[in-house]
Amino acid sequence: MARVYPLEALLKIYRRREESAERAMAKAQQRLISAQRALAKTQESWQQFKEWWPKQEEMAYASILEKTISQQKLNELKEQGKVWREQEMSLEKEVEDAKQSVLEAQESLENCRKVYRDAVIKVRKIEIHREEWSEKVFQEEMEAMEKEAEDRPWIMEAVEIEV
């Protein structure tokens, strides 16, 4: 008669944890990919802006060179340059924030990988124990059958006839 493995419920729990850890690891991988894409996009925008605004500023100042303009027009031009510099700094901060998001996503992925590895190890340990337990139970059953056969030899003859 087959016996039920006494730690089967624990094994099921460990397997669920392993599956959960695997799903969490996949989500963390997707978050990392998203963060890396966002970083690349932000860096590209920042780089394009860094190349664009100095040219715009230079063209604006070149358009007024050797011309008489009002102080108000000059102040507006200076103000526009200040706005562009602030916009560049804002984009630079976005890049730094995106880099931080990538680092956090990488750290999260590493933590998820560790949790998953630990879960796999726990499941494997229980599975090994179950295999050892099964072997032990099988050996005990075989010994019991042999002992019973010694006590009642006609049973073994009946088993051999059926086979």
Protein backbone atom coordinates (compact mmCIF):
# COMPACT_ATOMS: atom_id res chain seq x y z
CA MET A 1 0.00 0.00 0.00
CA ALA A 2 1.45 3.36 -1.07
CA ARG A 3 1.97 5.87 1.67
CA VAL A 4 1.56 9.61 1.26
CA TYR A 5 4.71 11.67 1.59
CA PRO A 6 4.42 13.49 4.93
CA LEU A 7 5.92 16.74 3.61
CA GLU A 8 3.80 16.90 0.44
CA ALA A 9 1.89 19.99 1.66
CA LEU A 10 5.18 21.74 2.41
CA LEU A 11 6.48 20.82 -1.03
CA LYS A 12 3.36 22.35 -2.63
CA ILE A 13 3.90 25.55 -0.65
CA TYR A 14 7.55 25.70 -1.71
CA ARG A 15 6.59 25.14 -5.34
CA ARG A 16 4.04 27.96 -5.18
CA ARG A 17 6.70 30.21 -3.70
CA GLU A 18 9.08 29.20 -6.46
CA GLU A 19 6.47 30.00 -9.12
CA SER A 20 5.69 33.31 -7.43
CA ALA A 21 9.38 34.19 -7.26
CA GLU A 22 9.77 33.31 -10.93
CA ARG A 23 6.86 35.61 -11.87
CA ALA A 24 8.30 38.39 -9.70
CA MET A 25 11.66 37.94 -11.41
CA ALA A 26 10.03 38.21 -14.85
CA LYS A 27 8.23 41.40 -13.80
CA ALA A 28 11.45 42.85 -12.41
CA GLN A 29 13.18 42.03 -15.72
CA GLN A 30 10.43 43.88 -17.61
CA ARG A 31 10.72 46.87 -15.25
CA LEU A 32 14.47 46.95 -15.89
CA ILE A 33 13.96 46.86 -19.65
CA SER A 34 11.39 49.67 -19.39
CA ALA A 35 13.71 51.74 -17.20
CA GLN A 36 16.60 51.23 -19.64
CA ARG A 37 14.41 52.31 -22.57
CA ALA A 38 13.23 55.36 -20.66
CA LEU A 39 16.83 56.24 -19.84
CA ALA A 40 17.90 55.93 -23.47
CA LYS A 41 14.97 58.09 -24.60
CA THR A 42 15.68 60.73 -21.94
CA GLN A 43 19.40 60.79 -22.75
CA GLU A 44 18.61 61.20 -26.44
CA SER A 45 16.24 64.10 -25.76
CA TRP A 46 18.78 65.76 -23.50
CA GLN A 47 21.57 65.33 -26.03
CA GLN A 48 19.46 66.73 -28.85
CA PHE A 49 18.46 69.71 -26.74
CA LYS A 50 22.09 70.34 -25.70
CA GLU A 51 23.02 70.50 -29.37
CA TRP A 52 19.99 72.53 -30.43
CA TRP A 53 19.70 75.40 -27.95
CA PRO A 54 23.24 76.84 -28.23
CA LYS A 55 22.74 77.06 -31.99
CA GLN A 56 19.41 78.78 -31.48
CA GLU A 57 20.94 81.19 -29.02
CA GLU A 58 23.83 81.91 -31.36
CA MET A 59 21.45 82.54 -34.27
CA ALA A 60 19.34 84.87 -32.12
CA TYR A 61 22.38 86.91 -31.07
CA ALA A 62 23.73 86.91 -34.65
CA SER A 63 20.42 88.32 -35.89
CA ILE A 64 20.81 91.37 -33.65
CA LEU A 65 24.52 91.85 -34.15
CA GLU A 66 25.40 95.32 -35.43
CA LYS A 67 21.78 96.37 -35.12
CA THR A 68 20.24 98.80 -32.80
CA ILE A 69 17.64 97.10 -30.66
CA SER A 70 15.69 98.12 -27.65
CA GLN A 71 16.73 97.15 -24.16
CA GLN A 72 13.47 95.25 -23.85
CA LYS A 73 14.27 93.13 -26.91
CA LEU A 74 17.75 92.40 -25.50
CA ASN A 75 16.25 91.44 -22.13
CA GLU A 76 13.77 89.12 -23.87
CA LEU A 77 16.64 87.46 -25.69
CA LYS A 78 18.57 87.02 -22.45
CA GLU A 79 15.45 85.64 -20.77
CA GLN A 80 15.00 83.12 -23.58
CA GLY A 81 18.59 81.96 -23.09
CA LYS A 82 17.94 81.56 -19.39
CA VAL A 83 14.80 79.49 -20.13
CA TRP A 84 16.82 77.22 -22.43
CA ARG A 85 19.50 76.72 -19.77
CA GLU A 86 16.84 75.84 -17.21
CA GLN A 87 15.26 73.46 -19.67
CA GLU A 88 18.64 71.78 -20.19
CA MET A 89 19.12 71.43 -16.44
CA SER A 90 15.63 69.97 -16.14
CA LEU A 91 16.43 67.40 -18.84
CA GLU A 92 19.71 66.62 -17.12
CA LYS A 93 17.81 65.96 -13.88
CA GLU A 94 15.42 63.69 -15.77
CA VAL A 95 18.43 61.73 -17.05
CA GLU A 96 19.80 61.39 -13.53
CA ASP A 97 16.39 60.26 -12.27
CA ALA A 98 16.17 57.73 -15.12
CA LYS A 99 19.65 56.42 -14.24
CA GLN A 100 18.54 56.03 -10.64
CA SER A 101 15.44 54.14 -11.81
CA VAL A 102 17.65 51.77 -13.80
CA LEU A 103 19.86 51.16 -10.75
CA GLU A 104 16.81 50.49 -8.59
CA ALA A 105 15.37 48.13 -11.21
CA GLN A 106 18.69 46.27 -11.40
CA GLU A 107 18.79 45.95 -7.63
CA SER A 108 15.20 44.73 -7.57
CA LEU A 109 15.98 42.15 -10.26
CA GLU A 110 18.99 40.89 -8.31
CA ASN A 111 16.86 40.57 -5.17
CA CYS A 112 14.21 38.67 -7.13
CA ARG A 113 16.86 36.38 -8.58
CA LYS A 114 18.16 35.64 -5.09
CA VAL A 115 14.66 34.88 -3.81
CA TYR A 116 14.07 32.63 -6.82
CA ARG A 117 17.37 30.78 -6.34
CA ASP A 118 16.55 30.24 -2.67
CA ALA A 119 13.08 28.95 -3.58
CA VAL A 120 14.51 26.56 -6.16
CA ILE A 121 17.01 25.25 -3.62
CA LYS A 122 14.27 24.66 -1.04
CA VAL A 123 12.11 22.81 -3.55
CA ARG A 124 15.05 20.70 -4.67
CA LYS A 125 15.94 19.81 -1.07
CA ILE A 126 12.39 18.64 -0.39
CA GLU A 127 12.33 16.70 -3.67
CA ILE A 128 15.59 14.97 -2.75
CA HIS A 129 14.17 14.17 0.67
CA ARG A 130 11.02 12.81 -0.96
CA GLU A 131 13.09 10.57 -3.23
CA GLU A 132 15.08 9.30 -0.25
CA TRP A 133 11.89 8.82 1.72
CA SER A 134 10.30 6.92 -1.18
CA GLU A 135 13.32 4.65 -1.41
CA LYS A 136 13.18 4.03 2.32
CA VAL A 137 9.45 3.30 2.21
CA PHE A 138 9.98 0.97 -0.75
CA GLN A 139 12.75 -0.85 1.11
CA GLU A 140 10.57 -1.16 4.21
CA GLU A 141 7.70 -2.55 2.14
CA MET A 142 10.01 -5.01 0.40
CA GLU A 143 11.41 -6.14 3.75
CA ALA A 144 7.88 -6.52 5.12
CA MET A 145 6.90 -8.58 2.09
CA GLU A 146 10.00 -10.76 2.44
CA LYS A 147 9.29 -11.27 6.14
CA GLU A 148 5.70 -12.13 5.37
CA ALA A 149 6.90 -14.50 2.66
CA GLU A 150 9.15 -16.20 5.17
CA ASP A 151 6.25 -16.50 7.59
CA ARG A 152 3.80 -17.65 4.90
CA PRO A 153 5.59 -19.15 1.88
CA TRP A 154 2.39 -19.95 -0.05
CA ILE A 155 1.78 -16.15 -0.59
CA MET A 156 4.98 -15.80 -2.64
CA GLU A 157 3.93 -18.78 -4.75
CA ALA A 158 0.62 -17.04 -5.50
CA VAL A 159 2.41 -13.79 -6.40
CA GLU A 160 4.73 -15.65 -8.76
CA ILE A 161 1.78 -17.39 -10.45
CA GLU A 162 0.02 -14.02 -11.07
CA VAL A 163 3.11 -12.48 -12.63
